PDB file of all heavy atoms in Angstrom:
ATOM      1  N   GLY A   1     -18.312 -30.899  11.535  1.00  0.00           N
ATOM      2  CA  GLY A   1     -17.602 -29.778  12.142  1.00  0.00           C
ATOM      3  C   GLY A   1     -16.807 -30.151  13.380  1.00  0.00           C
ATOM      4  O   GLY A   1     -17.032 -31.199  14.005  1.00  0.00           O
ATOM      5  N   ASP A   2     -15.870 -29.258  13.749  1.00  0.00           N
ATOM      6  CA  ASP A   2     -14.967 -29.506  14.880  1.00  0.00           C
ATOM      7  C   ASP A   2     -15.697 -29.752  16.197  1.00  0.00           C
ATOM      8  O   ASP A   2     -15.238 -30.535  17.023  1.00  0.00           O
ATOM      9  CB  ASP A   2     -14.026 -28.304  15.078  1.00  0.00           C
ATOM     10  CG  ASP A   2     -13.015 -28.167  13.948  1.00  0.00           C
ATOM     11  OD1 ASP A   2     -12.990 -29.032  13.056  1.00  0.00           O
ATOM     12  OD2 ASP A   2     -12.249 -27.192  13.975  1.00  0.00           O
ATOM     13  N   GLN A   3     -16.835 -29.076  16.419  1.00  0.00           N
ATOM     14  CA  GLN A   3     -17.523 -29.189  17.703  1.00  0.00           C
ATOM     15  C   GLN A   3     -17.999 -30.612  17.991  1.00  0.00           C
ATOM     16  O   GLN A   3     -18.034 -31.028  19.140  1.00  0.00           O
ATOM     17  CB  GLN A   3     -18.668 -28.165  17.822  1.00  0.00           C
ATOM     18  CG  GLN A   3     -19.807 -28.305  16.829  1.00  0.00           C
ATOM     19  CD  GLN A   3     -19.523 -27.751  15.435  1.00  0.00           C
ATOM     20  OE1 GLN A   3     -18.389 -27.464  15.069  1.00  0.00           O
ATOM     21  NE2 GLN A   3     -20.570 -27.604  14.641  1.00  0.00           N
ATOM     22  N   VAL A   4     -18.335 -31.376  16.936  1.00  0.00           N
ATOM     23  CA  VAL A   4     -18.745 -32.772  17.131  1.00  0.00           C
ATOM     24  C   VAL A   4     -17.678 -33.753  16.644  1.00  0.00           C
ATOM     25  O   VAL A   4     -17.832 -34.961  16.777  1.00  0.00           O
ATOM     26  CB  VAL A   4     -20.094 -33.082  16.422  1.00  0.00           C
ATOM     27  CG1 VAL A   4     -21.225 -32.308  17.068  1.00  0.00           C
ATOM     28  CG2 VAL A   4     -20.021 -32.813  14.933  1.00  0.00           C
ATOM     29  N   ASN A   5     -16.602 -33.216  16.079  1.00  0.00           N
ATOM     30  CA  ASN A   5     -15.580 -34.048  15.453  1.00  0.00           C
ATOM     31  C   ASN A   5     -14.192 -33.428  15.681  1.00  0.00           C
ATOM     32  O   ASN A   5     -13.524 -33.015  14.748  1.00  0.00           O
ATOM     33  CB  ASN A   5     -15.913 -34.134  13.946  1.00  0.00           C
ATOM     34  CG  ASN A   5     -14.946 -34.984  13.162  1.00  0.00           C
ATOM     35  OD1 ASN A   5     -14.244 -35.823  13.702  1.00  0.00           O
ATOM     36  ND2 ASN A   5     -14.894 -34.752  11.859  1.00  0.00           N
ATOM     37  N   PRO A   6     -13.754 -33.355  16.948  1.00  0.00           N
ATOM     38  CA  PRO A   6     -12.491 -32.669  17.253  1.00  0.00           C
ATOM     39  C   PRO A   6     -11.260 -33.305  16.601  1.00  0.00           C
ATOM     40  O   PRO A   6     -10.261 -32.624  16.391  1.00  0.00           O
ATOM     41  CB  PRO A   6     -12.408 -32.727  18.785  1.00  0.00           C
ATOM     42  CG  PRO A   6     -13.319 -33.831  19.188  1.00  0.00           C
ATOM     43  CD  PRO A   6     -14.397 -33.893  18.148  1.00  0.00           C
ATOM     44  N   LYS A   7     -11.327 -34.600  16.245  1.00  0.00           N
ATOM     45  CA  LYS A   7     -10.185 -35.250  15.585  1.00  0.00           C
ATOM     46  C   LYS A   7     -10.172 -34.992  14.074  1.00  0.00           C
ATOM     47  O   LYS A   7      -9.281 -35.460  13.380  1.00  0.00           O
ATOM     48  CB  LYS A   7     -10.218 -36.756  15.841  1.00  0.00           C
ATOM     49  CG  LYS A   7      -9.960 -37.136  17.296  1.00  0.00           C
ATOM     50  CD  LYS A   7      -9.963 -38.646  17.425  1.00  0.00           C
ATOM     51  CE  LYS A   7      -9.715 -39.080  18.849  1.00  0.00           C
ATOM     52  NZ  LYS A   7      -9.869 -40.540  18.998  1.00  0.00           N
ATOM     53  N   LYS A   8     -11.199 -34.283  13.573  1.00  0.00           N
ATOM     54  CA  LYS A   8     -11.297 -33.924  12.144  1.00  0.00           C
ATOM     55  C   LYS A   8     -11.313 -35.165  11.249  1.00  0.00           C
ATOM     56  O   LYS A   8     -10.716 -35.187  10.175  1.00  0.00           O
ATOM     57  CB  LYS A   8     -10.173 -32.956  11.753  1.00  0.00           C
ATOM     58  CG  LYS A   8     -10.196 -31.686  12.600  1.00  0.00           C
ATOM     59  CD  LYS A   8      -9.136 -30.700  12.207  1.00  0.00           C
ATOM     60  CE  LYS A   8      -9.218 -29.506  13.161  1.00  0.00           C
ATOM     61  NZ  LYS A   8      -8.465 -28.361  12.752  1.00  0.00           N
ATOM     62  N   GLU A   9     -12.000 -36.210  11.728  1.00  0.00           N
ATOM     63  CA  GLU A   9     -12.119 -37.431  10.936  1.00  0.00           C
ATOM     64  C   GLU A   9     -13.029 -37.193   9.740  1.00  0.00           C
ATOM     65  O   GLU A   9     -13.993 -36.437   9.814  1.00  0.00           O
ATOM     66  CB  GLU A   9     -12.652 -38.577  11.797  1.00  0.00           C
ATOM     67  CG  GLU A   9     -11.665 -38.976  12.886  1.00  0.00           C
ATOM     68  CD  GLU A   9     -12.145 -40.117  13.749  1.00  0.00           C
ATOM     69  OE1 GLU A   9     -13.369 -40.345  13.840  1.00  0.00           O
ATOM     70  OE2 GLU A   9     -11.280 -40.793  14.346  1.00  0.00           O
ATOM     71  N   SER A  10     -12.719 -37.869   8.644  1.00  0.00           N
ATOM     72  CA  SER A  10     -13.423 -37.647   7.382  1.00  0.00           C
ATOM     73  C   SER A  10     -14.680 -38.495   7.257  1.00  0.00           C
ATOM     74  O   SER A  10     -14.749 -39.607   7.779  1.00  0.00           O
ATOM     75  CB  SER A  10     -12.495 -38.003   6.212  1.00  0.00           C
ATOM     76  OG  SER A  10     -11.332 -37.220   6.242  1.00  0.00           O
ATOM     77  N   SER A  11     -15.637 -37.969   6.504  1.00  0.00           N
ATOM     78  CA  SER A  11     -16.810 -38.745   6.111  1.00  0.00           C
ATOM     79  C   SER A  11     -16.340 -39.943   5.292  1.00  0.00           C
ATOM     80  O   SER A  11     -15.382 -39.849   4.519  1.00  0.00           O
ATOM     81  CB  SER A  11     -17.741 -37.869   5.256  1.00  0.00           C
ATOM     82  OG  SER A  11     -18.662 -38.657   4.542  1.00  0.00           O
ATOM     83  N   ALA A  12     -17.031 -41.069   5.433  1.00  0.00           N
ATOM     84  CA  ALA A  12     -16.687 -42.260   4.656  1.00  0.00           C
ATOM     85  C   ALA A  12     -16.923 -42.041   3.165  1.00  0.00           C
ATOM     86  O   ALA A  12     -16.175 -42.563   2.337  1.00  0.00           O
ATOM     87  CB  ALA A  12     -17.502 -43.453   5.138  1.00  0.00           C
ATOM     88  N   THR A  13     -17.953 -41.262   2.811  1.00  0.00           N
ATOM     89  CA  THR A  13     -18.323 -41.146   1.395  1.00  0.00           C
ATOM     90  C   THR A  13     -18.242 -39.738   0.824  1.00  0.00           C
ATOM     91  O   THR A  13     -17.998 -39.572  -0.358  1.00  0.00           O
ATOM     92  CB  THR A  13     -19.772 -41.607   1.150  1.00  0.00           C
ATOM     93  OG1 THR A  13     -20.653 -40.830   1.967  1.00  0.00           O
ATOM     94  CG2 THR A  13     -19.962 -43.062   1.430  1.00  0.00           C
ATOM     95  N   GLN A  14     -18.516 -38.722   1.634  1.00  0.00           N
ATOM     96  CA  GLN A  14     -18.645 -37.384   1.057  1.00  0.00           C
ATOM     97  C   GLN A  14     -17.289 -36.762   0.755  1.00  0.00           C
ATOM     98  O   GLN A  14     -16.360 -36.837   1.555  1.00  0.00           O
ATOM     99  CB  GLN A  14     -19.463 -36.483   1.977  1.00  0.00           C
ATOM    100  CG  GLN A  14     -20.914 -36.950   2.079  1.00  0.00           C
ATOM    101  CD  GLN A  14     -21.828 -35.868   2.596  1.00  0.00           C
ATOM    102  OE1 GLN A  14     -21.709 -34.698   2.233  1.00  0.00           O
ATOM    103  NE2 GLN A  14     -22.759 -36.262   3.446  1.00  0.00           N
ATOM    104  N   PHE A  15     -17.196 -36.163  -0.413  1.00  0.00           N
ATOM    105  CA  PHE A  15     -15.960 -35.539  -0.872  1.00  0.00           C
ATOM    106  C   PHE A  15     -16.291 -34.235  -1.575  1.00  0.00           C
ATOM    107  O   PHE A  15     -17.439 -33.979  -1.938  1.00  0.00           O
ATOM    108  CB  PHE A  15     -15.202 -36.473  -1.836  1.00  0.00           C
ATOM    109  CG  PHE A  15     -15.939 -36.722  -3.125  1.00  0.00           C
ATOM    110  CD1 PHE A  15     -15.781 -35.874  -4.223  1.00  0.00           C
ATOM    111  CD2 PHE A  15     -16.816 -37.791  -3.248  1.00  0.00           C
ATOM    112  CE1 PHE A  15     -16.473 -36.093  -5.405  1.00  0.00           C
ATOM    113  CE2 PHE A  15     -17.526 -38.018  -4.424  1.00  0.00           C
ATOM    114  CZ  PHE A  15     -17.344 -37.161  -5.508  1.00  0.00           C
ATOM    115  N   TYR A  16     -15.265 -33.410  -1.748  1.00  0.00           N
ATOM    116  CA  TYR A  16     -15.424 -32.209  -2.560  1.00  0.00           C
ATOM    117  C   TYR A  16     -14.196 -32.015  -3.430  1.00  0.00           C
ATOM    118  O   TYR A  16     -13.112 -32.527  -3.139  1.00  0.00           O
ATOM    119  CB  TYR A  16     -15.703 -30.964  -1.703  1.00  0.00           C
ATOM    120  CG  TYR A  16     -14.634 -30.608  -0.689  1.00  0.00           C
ATOM    121  CD1 TYR A  16     -13.634 -29.688  -0.990  1.00  0.00           C
ATOM    122  CD2 TYR A  16     -14.641 -31.185   0.583  1.00  0.00           C
ATOM    123  CE1 TYR A  16     -12.665 -29.353  -0.047  1.00  0.00           C
ATOM    124  CE2 TYR A  16     -13.678 -30.851   1.524  1.00  0.00           C
ATOM    125  CZ  TYR A  16     -12.696 -29.934   1.193  1.00  0.00           C
ATOM    126  OH  TYR A  16     -11.732 -29.603   2.120  1.00  0.00           O
ATOM    127  N   ILE A  17     -14.395 -31.317  -4.529  1.00  0.00           N
ATOM    128  CA  ILE A  17     -13.316 -30.975  -5.440  1.00  0.00           C
ATOM    129  C   ILE A  17     -13.210 -29.457  -5.455  1.00  0.00           C
ATOM    130  O   ILE A  17     -14.208 -28.755  -5.654  1.00  0.00           O
ATOM    131  CB  ILE A  17     -13.565 -31.543  -6.848  1.00  0.00           C
ATOM    132  CG1 ILE A  17     -13.643 -33.076  -6.784  1.00  0.00           C
ATOM    133  CG2 ILE A  17     -12.468 -31.077  -7.815  1.00  0.00           C
ATOM    134  CD1 ILE A  17     -14.088 -33.743  -8.065  1.00  0.00           C
ATOM    135  N   VAL A  18     -12.006 -28.957  -5.215  1.00  0.00           N
ATOM    136  CA  VAL A  18     -11.769 -27.520  -5.103  1.00  0.00           C
ATOM    137  C   VAL A  18     -11.814 -26.848  -6.475  1.00  0.00           C
ATOM    138  O   VAL A  18     -11.126 -27.286  -7.403  1.00  0.00           O
ATOM    139  CB  VAL A  18     -10.396 -27.247  -4.445  1.00  0.00           C
ATOM    140  CG1 VAL A  18     -10.060 -25.763  -4.471  1.00  0.00           C
ATOM    141  CG2 VAL A  18     -10.357 -27.797  -3.021  1.00  0.00           C
ATOM    142  N   GLN A  19     -12.621 -25.805  -6.585  1.00  0.00           N
ATOM    143  CA  GLN A  19     -12.503 -24.903  -7.727  1.00  0.00           C
ATOM    144  C   GLN A  19     -11.610 -23.740  -7.284  1.00  0.00           C
ATOM    145  O   GLN A  19     -10.597 -23.460  -7.879  1.00  0.00           O
ATOM    146  CB  GLN A  19     -13.872 -24.393  -8.195  1.00  0.00           C
ATOM    147  CG  GLN A  19     -13.717 -23.533  -9.462  1.00  0.00           C
ATOM    148  CD  GLN A  19     -14.976 -22.795  -9.865  1.00  0.00           C
ATOM    149  OE1 GLN A  19     -15.750 -22.366  -9.029  1.00  0.00           O
ATOM    150  NE2 GLN A  19     -15.147 -22.643 -11.168  1.00  0.00           N
ATOM    151  N   GLY A  20     -12.004 -23.105  -6.184  1.00  0.00           N
ATOM    152  CA  GLY A  20     -11.156 -22.081  -5.580  1.00  0.00           C
ATOM    153  C   GLY A  20     -10.984 -20.847  -6.437  1.00  0.00           C
ATOM    154  O   GLY A  20     -11.691 -20.628  -7.418  1.00  0.00           O
ATOM    155  N   GLN A  21     -10.014 -20.036  -6.047  1.00  0.00           N
ATOM    156  CA  GLN A  21      -9.679 -18.823  -6.772  1.00  0.00           C
ATOM    157  C   GLN A  21      -8.216 -18.500  -6.522  1.00  0.00           C
ATOM    158  O   GLN A  21      -7.577 -19.099  -5.658  1.00  0.00           O
ATOM    159  CB  GLN A  21     -10.581 -17.671  -6.337  1.00  0.00           C
ATOM    160  CG  GLN A  21     -10.566 -17.391  -4.851  1.00  0.00           C
ATOM    161  CD  GLN A  21     -11.595 -16.342  -4.462  1.00  0.00           C
ATOM    162  OE1 GLN A  21     -11.545 -15.221  -4.942  1.00  0.00           O
ATOM    163  NE2 GLN A  21     -12.518 -16.711  -3.605  1.00  0.00           N
ATOM    164  N   VAL A  22      -7.687 -17.556  -7.296  1.00  0.00           N
ATOM    165  CA  VAL A  22      -6.303 -17.121  -7.128  1.00  0.00           C
ATOM    166  C   VAL A  22      -6.276 -16.024  -6.064  1.00  0.00           C
ATOM    167  O   VAL A  22      -7.155 -15.144  -6.034  1.00  0.00           O
ATOM    168  CB  VAL A  22      -5.736 -16.608  -8.473  1.00  0.00           C
ATOM    169  CG1 VAL A  22      -4.356 -15.998  -8.285  1.00  0.00           C
ATOM    170  CG2 VAL A  22      -5.687 -17.756  -9.488  1.00  0.00           C
ATOM    171  N   TRP A  23      -5.279 -16.081  -5.172  1.00  0.00           N
ATOM    172  CA  TRP A  23      -5.157 -15.147  -4.053  1.00  0.00           C
ATOM    173  C   TRP A  23      -3.900 -14.307  -4.204  1.00  0.00           C
ATOM    174  O   TRP A  23      -2.939 -14.739  -4.836  1.00  0.00           O
ATOM    175  CB  TRP A  23      -5.105 -15.916  -2.728  1.00  0.00           C
ATOM    176  CG  TRP A  23      -6.269 -16.826  -2.535  1.00  0.00           C
ATOM    177  CD1 TRP A  23      -6.379 -18.118  -2.961  1.00  0.00           C
ATOM    178  CD2 TRP A  23      -7.515 -16.510  -1.916  1.00  0.00           C
ATOM    179  NE1 TRP A  23      -7.611 -18.627  -2.632  1.00  0.00           N
ATOM    180  CE2 TRP A  23      -8.335 -17.657  -1.986  1.00  0.00           C
ATOM    181  CE3 TRP A  23      -8.011 -15.364  -1.295  1.00  0.00           C
ATOM    182  CZ2 TRP A  23      -9.624 -17.692  -1.473  1.00  0.00           C
ATOM    183  CZ3 TRP A  23      -9.296 -15.409  -0.763  1.00  0.00           C
ATOM    184  CH2 TRP A  23     -10.088 -16.556  -0.860  1.00  0.00           C
ATOM    185  N   ASP A  24      -3.881 -13.134  -3.565  1.00  0.00           N
ATOM    186  CA  ASP A  24      -2.652 -12.343  -3.533  1.00  0.00           C
ATOM    187  C   ASP A  24      -1.965 -12.538  -2.180  1.00  0.00           C
ATOM    188  O   ASP A  24      -2.559 -13.046  -1.227  1.00  0.00           O
ATOM    189  CB  ASP A  24      -2.919 -10.858  -3.832  1.00  0.00           C
ATOM    190  CG  ASP A  24      -3.877 -10.207  -2.847  1.00  0.00           C
ATOM    191  OD1 ASP A  24      -3.896 -10.596  -1.658  1.00  0.00           O
ATOM    192  OD2 ASP A  24      -4.594  -9.279  -3.251  1.00  0.00           O
ATOM    193  N   ASP A  25      -0.692 -12.141  -2.126  1.00  0.00           N
ATOM    194  CA  ASP A  25       0.097 -12.357  -0.903  1.00  0.00           C
ATOM    195  C   ASP A  25      -0.489 -11.639   0.304  1.00  0.00           C
ATOM    196  O   ASP A  25      -0.458 -12.160   1.424  1.00  0.00           O
ATOM    197  CB  ASP A  25       1.553 -11.915  -1.116  1.00  0.00           C
ATOM    198  CG  ASP A  25       2.359 -12.987  -1.829  1.00  0.00           C
ATOM    199  OD1 ASP A  25       2.310 -14.152  -1.391  1.00  0.00           O
ATOM    200  OD2 ASP A  25       3.025 -12.672  -2.832  1.00  0.00           O
ATOM    201  N   LYS A  26      -1.053 -10.462   0.083  1.00  0.00           N
ATOM    202  CA  LYS A  26      -1.636  -9.698   1.196  1.00  0.00           C
ATOM    203  C   LYS A  26      -2.792 -10.480   1.838  1.00  0.00           C
ATOM    204  O   LYS A  26      -2.892 -10.564   3.067  1.00  0.00           O
ATOM    205  CB  LYS A  26      -2.115  -8.339   0.671  1.00  0.00           C
ATOM    206  CG  LYS A  26      -2.615  -7.408   1.749  1.00  0.00           C
ATOM    207  CD  LYS A  26      -2.990  -6.069   1.135  1.00  0.00           C
ATOM    208  CE  LYS A  26      -3.709  -5.210   2.162  1.00  0.00           C
ATOM    209  NZ  LYS A  26      -4.321  -4.032   1.566  1.00  0.00           N
ATOM    210  N   THR A  27      -3.646 -11.068   0.995  1.00  0.00           N
ATOM    211  CA  THR A  27      -4.772 -11.848   1.519  1.00  0.00           C
ATOM    212  C   THR A  27      -4.270 -13.110   2.223  1.00  0.00           C
ATOM    213  O   THR A  27      -4.798 -13.499   3.268  1.00  0.00           O
ATOM    214  CB  THR A  27      -5.748 -12.219   0.386  1.00  0.00           C
ATOM    215  OG1 THR A  27      -6.099 -11.028  -0.326  1.00  0.00           O
ATOM    216  CG2 THR A  27      -7.008 -12.864   0.930  1.00  0.00           C
ATOM    217  N   LEU A  28      -3.236 -13.739   1.676  1.00  0.00           N
ATOM    218  CA  LEU A  28      -2.659 -14.918   2.332  1.00  0.00           C
ATOM    219  C   LEU A  28      -2.069 -14.544   3.691  1.00  0.00           C
ATOM    220  O   LEU A  28      -2.199 -15.299   4.659  1.00  0.00           O
ATOM    221  CB  LEU A  28      -1.598 -15.567   1.443  1.00  0.00           C
ATOM    222  CG  LEU A  28      -2.121 -16.237   0.160  1.00  0.00           C
ATOM    223  CD1 LEU A  28      -0.957 -16.708  -0.703  1.00  0.00           C
ATOM    224  CD2 LEU A  28      -3.057 -17.389   0.467  1.00  0.00           C
ATOM    225  N   ASP A  29      -1.447 -13.354   3.779  1.00  0.00           N
ATOM    226  CA  ASP A  29      -0.926 -12.865   5.069  1.00  0.00           C
ATOM    227  C   ASP A  29      -2.065 -12.737   6.087  1.00  0.00           C
ATOM    228  O   ASP A  29      -1.924 -13.135   7.252  1.00  0.00           O
ATOM    229  CB  ASP A  29      -0.258 -11.488   4.910  1.00  0.00           C
ATOM    230  CG  ASP A  29       1.041 -11.560   4.120  1.00  0.00           C
ATOM    231  OD1 ASP A  29       1.601 -12.669   3.981  1.00  0.00           O
ATOM    232  OD2 ASP A  29       1.488 -10.496   3.640  1.00  0.00           O
ATOM    233  N   MET A  30      -3.201 -12.187   5.634  1.00  0.00           N
ATOM    234  CA  MET A  30      -4.354 -12.024   6.538  1.00  0.00           C
ATOM    235  C   MET A  30      -4.899 -13.383   6.973  1.00  0.00           C
ATOM    236  O   MET A  30      -5.279 -13.558   8.123  1.00  0.00           O
ATOM    237  CB  MET A  30      -5.447 -11.182   5.862  1.00  0.00           C
ATOM    238  CG  MET A  30      -5.030  -9.732   5.717  1.00  0.00           C
ATOM    239  SD  MET A  30      -6.322  -8.561   5.185  1.00  0.00           S
ATOM    240  CE  MET A  30      -7.340  -9.457   4.085  1.00  0.00           C
ATOM    241  N   MET A  31      -4.931 -14.351   6.046  1.00  0.00           N
ATOM    242  CA  MET A  31      -5.392 -15.708   6.398  1.00  0.00           C
ATOM    243  C   MET A  31      -4.477 -16.328   7.449  1.00  0.00           C
ATOM    244  O   MET A  31      -4.945 -17.003   8.364  1.00  0.00           O
ATOM    245  CB  MET A  31      -5.419 -16.605   5.155  1.00  0.00           C
ATOM    246  CG  MET A  31      -6.608 -16.419   4.274  1.00  0.00           C
ATOM    247  SD  MET A  31      -6.565 -17.672   2.975  1.00  0.00           S
ATOM    248  CE  MET A  31      -7.692 -16.944   1.818  1.00  0.00           C
ATOM    249  N   GLU A  32      -3.170 -16.113   7.303  1.00  0.00           N
ATOM    250  CA  GLU A  32      -2.234 -16.659   8.291  1.00  0.00           C
ATOM    251  C   GLU A  32      -2.548 -16.126   9.685  1.00  0.00           C
ATOM    252  O   GLU A  32      -2.574 -16.891  10.653  1.00  0.00           O
ATOM    253  CB  GLU A  32      -0.792 -16.296   7.905  1.00  0.00           C
ATOM    254  CG  GLU A  32      -0.246 -17.126   6.773  1.00  0.00           C
ATOM    255  CD  GLU A  32       1.212 -16.817   6.467  1.00  0.00           C
ATOM    256  OE1 GLU A  32       1.677 -15.695   6.774  1.00  0.00           O
ATOM    257  OE2 GLU A  32       1.893 -17.710   5.930  1.00  0.00           O
ATOM    258  N   MET A  33      -2.821 -14.824   9.771  1.00  0.00           N
ATOM    259  CA  MET A  33      -3.141 -14.234  11.074  1.00  0.00           C
ATOM    260  C   MET A  33      -4.493 -14.722  11.588  1.00  0.00           C
ATOM    261  O   MET A  33      -4.615 -15.119  12.735  1.00  0.00           O
ATOM    262  CB  MET A  33      -3.137 -12.697  10.977  1.00  0.00           C
ATOM    263  CG  MET A  33      -1.737 -12.139  10.816  1.00  0.00           C
ATOM    264  SD  MET A  33      -1.609 -10.352  11.041  1.00  0.00           S
ATOM    265  CE  MET A  33      -3.035  -9.694  10.254  1.00  0.00           C
ATOM    266  N   ARG A  34      -5.484 -14.724  10.723  1.00  0.00           N
ATOM    267  CA  ARG A  34      -6.847 -15.070  11.127  1.00  0.00           C
ATOM    268  C   ARG A  34      -6.986 -16.540  11.520  1.00  0.00           C
ATOM    269  O   ARG A  34      -7.658 -16.879  12.487  1.00  0.00           O
ATOM    270  CB  ARG A  34      -7.824 -14.729  10.005  1.00  0.00           C
ATOM    271  CG  ARG A  34      -9.250 -15.017  10.366  1.00  0.00           C
ATOM    272  CD  ARG A  34     -10.221 -14.462   9.357  1.00  0.00           C
ATOM    273  NE  ARG A  34     -11.555 -14.945   9.658  1.00  0.00           N
ATOM    274  CZ  ARG A  34     -12.499 -15.097   8.767  1.00  0.00           C
ATOM    275  NH1 ARG A  34     -12.288 -14.776   7.521  1.00  0.00           N
ATOM    276  NH2 ARG A  34     -13.682 -15.547   9.118  1.00  0.00           N
ATOM    277  N   PHE A  35      -6.353 -17.423  10.747  1.00  0.00           N
ATOM    278  CA  PHE A  35      -6.534 -18.867  10.964  1.00  0.00           C
ATOM    279  C   PHE A  35      -5.347 -19.523  11.663  1.00  0.00           C
ATOM    280  O   PHE A  35      -5.356 -20.737  11.894  1.00  0.00           O
ATOM    281  CB  PHE A  35      -6.811 -19.581   9.633  1.00  0.00           C
ATOM    282  CG  PHE A  35      -8.072 -19.117   8.950  1.00  0.00           C
ATOM    283  CD1 PHE A  35      -8.003 -18.354   7.788  1.00  0.00           C
ATOM    284  CD2 PHE A  35      -9.321 -19.424   9.469  1.00  0.00           C
ATOM    285  CE1 PHE A  35      -9.159 -17.917   7.151  1.00  0.00           C
ATOM    286  CE2 PHE A  35     -10.481 -18.994   8.836  1.00  0.00           C
ATOM    287  CZ  PHE A  35     -10.400 -18.241   7.679  1.00  0.00           C
ATOM    288  N   GLY A  36      -4.317 -18.747  11.985  1.00  0.00           N
ATOM    289  CA  GLY A  36      -3.158 -19.303  12.668  1.00  0.00           C
ATOM    290  C   GLY A  36      -2.390 -20.302  11.832  1.00  0.00           C
ATOM    291  O   GLY A  36      -1.852 -21.277  12.336  1.00  0.00           O
ATOM    292  N   LYS A  37      -2.347 -20.076  10.518  1.00  0.00           N
ATOM    293  CA  LYS A  37      -1.636 -20.975   9.603  1.00  0.00           C
ATOM    294  C   LYS A  37      -0.371 -20.286   9.121  1.00  0.00           C
ATOM    295  O   LYS A  37      -0.226 -19.072   9.241  1.00  0.00           O
ATOM    296  CB  LYS A  37      -2.518 -21.299   8.392  1.00  0.00           C
ATOM    297  CG  LYS A  37      -3.807 -22.025   8.749  1.00  0.00           C
ATOM    298  CD  LYS A  37      -4.620 -22.346   7.512  1.00  0.00           C
ATOM    299  CE  LYS A  37      -5.981 -22.921   7.827  1.00  0.00           C
ATOM    300  NZ  LYS A  37      -5.999 -24.203   8.440  1.00  0.00           N
ATOM    301  N   LYS A  38       0.529 -21.063   8.563  1.00  0.00           N
ATOM    302  CA  LYS A  38       1.737 -20.508   7.951  1.00  0.00           C
ATOM    303  C   LYS A  38       1.911 -21.175   6.593  1.00  0.00           C
ATOM    304  O   LYS A  38       2.019 -22.399   6.515  1.00  0.00           O
ATOM    305  CB  LYS A  38       2.950 -20.794   8.846  1.00  0.00           C
ATOM    306  CG  LYS A  38       4.224 -20.169   8.351  1.00  0.00           C
ATOM    307  CD  LYS A  38       4.245 -18.675   8.620  1.00  0.00           C
ATOM    308  CE  LYS A  38       5.528 -18.062   8.099  1.00  0.00           C
ATOM    309  NZ  LYS A  38       5.339 -16.785   7.458  1.00  0.00           N
ATOM    310  N   PHE A  39       1.868 -20.374   5.522  1.00  0.00           N
ATOM    311  CA  PHE A  39       2.020 -20.911   4.175  1.00  0.00           C
ATOM    312  C   PHE A  39       3.492 -20.879   3.767  1.00  0.00           C
ATOM    313  O   PHE A  39       4.166 -19.877   3.947  1.00  0.00           O
ATOM    314  CB  PHE A  39       1.179 -20.115   3.170  1.00  0.00           C
ATOM    315  CG  PHE A  39      -0.293 -20.125   3.477  1.00  0.00           C
ATOM    316  CD1 PHE A  39      -0.948 -18.957   3.840  1.00  0.00           C
ATOM    317  CD2 PHE A  39      -1.019 -21.304   3.428  1.00  0.00           C
ATOM    318  CE1 PHE A  39      -2.308 -18.964   4.134  1.00  0.00           C
ATOM    319  CE2 PHE A  39      -2.374 -21.324   3.724  1.00  0.00           C
ATOM    320  CZ  PHE A  39      -3.021 -20.156   4.080  1.00  0.00           C
ATOM    321  N   THR A  40       3.965 -21.988   3.229  1.00  0.00           N
ATOM    322  CA  THR A  40       5.350 -22.055   2.747  1.00  0.00           C
ATOM    323  C   THR A  40       5.459 -21.271   1.442  1.00  0.00           C
ATOM    324  O   THR A  40       4.433 -20.999   0.785  1.00  0.00           O
ATOM    325  CB  THR A  40       5.764 -23.518   2.483  1.00  0.00           C
ATOM    326  OG1 THR A  40       4.979 -24.016   1.379  1.00  0.00           O
ATOM    327  CG2 THR A  40       5.573 -24.396   3.713  1.00  0.00           C
ATOM    328  N   PRO A  41       6.688 -20.928   1.026  1.00  0.00           N
ATOM    329  CA  PRO A  41       6.850 -20.264  -0.282  1.00  0.00           C
ATOM    330  C   PRO A  41       6.248 -21.085  -1.429  1.00  0.00           C
ATOM    331  O   PRO A  41       5.654 -20.525  -2.354  1.00  0.00           O
ATOM    332  CB  PRO A  41       8.372 -20.129  -0.428  1.00  0.00           C
ATOM    333  CG  PRO A  41       8.890 -20.108   0.978  1.00  0.00           C
ATOM    334  CD  PRO A  41       7.964 -21.003   1.753  1.00  0.00           C
ATOM    335  N   GLU A  42       6.367 -22.413  -1.348  1.00  0.00           N
ATOM    336  CA  GLU A  42       5.809 -23.281  -2.397  1.00  0.00           C
ATOM    337  C   GLU A  42       4.279 -23.199  -2.410  1.00  0.00           C
ATOM    338  O   GLU A  42       3.656 -23.148  -3.478  1.00  0.00           O
ATOM    339  CB  GLU A  42       6.242 -24.745  -2.182  1.00  0.00           C
ATOM    340  CG  GLU A  42       7.733 -24.996  -2.306  1.00  0.00           C
ATOM    341  CD  GLU A  42       8.546 -24.627  -1.073  1.00  0.00           C
ATOM    342  OE1 GLU A  42       7.972 -24.396   0.015  1.00  0.00           O
ATOM    343  OE2 GLU A  42       9.780 -24.551  -1.207  1.00  0.00           O
ATOM    344  N   GLN A  43       3.673 -23.198  -1.216  1.00  0.00           N
ATOM    345  CA  GLN A  43       2.212 -23.086  -1.147  1.00  0.00           C
ATOM    346  C   GLN A  43       1.754 -21.723  -1.680  1.00  0.00           C
ATOM    347  O   GLN A  43       0.781 -21.630  -2.420  1.00  0.00           O
ATOM    348  CB  GLN A  43       1.740 -23.282   0.295  1.00  0.00           C
ATOM    349  CG  GLN A  43       1.905 -24.712   0.778  1.00  0.00           C
ATOM    350  CD  GLN A  43       1.723 -24.855   2.280  1.00  0.00           C
ATOM    351  OE1 GLN A  43       1.961 -23.921   3.043  1.00  0.00           O
ATOM    352  NE2 GLN A  43       1.317 -26.041   2.712  1.00  0.00           N
ATOM    353  N   ARG A  44       2.461 -20.673  -1.287  1.00  0.00           N
ATOM    354  CA  ARG A  44       2.124 -19.328  -1.778  1.00  0.00           C
ATOM    355  C   ARG A  44       2.202 -19.270  -3.307  1.00  0.00           C
ATOM    356  O   ARG A  44       1.347 -18.665  -3.949  1.00  0.00           O
ATOM    357  CB  ARG A  44       3.059 -18.286  -1.169  1.00  0.00           C
ATOM    358  CG  ARG A  44       2.678 -17.916   0.251  1.00  0.00           C
ATOM    359  CD  ARG A  44       3.629 -16.881   0.840  1.00  0.00           C
ATOM    360  NE  ARG A  44       3.152 -16.470   2.146  1.00  0.00           N
ATOM    361  CZ  ARG A  44       2.328 -15.447   2.353  1.00  0.00           C
ATOM    362  NH1 ARG A  44       1.930 -14.702   1.360  1.00  0.00           N
ATOM    363  NH2 ARG A  44       1.925 -15.161   3.583  1.00  0.00           N
TER     364      ARG A  44
END
């Protein structure tokens, strides 16, 4: 986590594979506000 790893360096071995889910634009808008991110049209 960020509190012990502010540079966001990766584990040497541990990985994950995204299953995820499909999102709507309204939820992506809320994520942008909540997490301070900006999604490009391609990402959306």
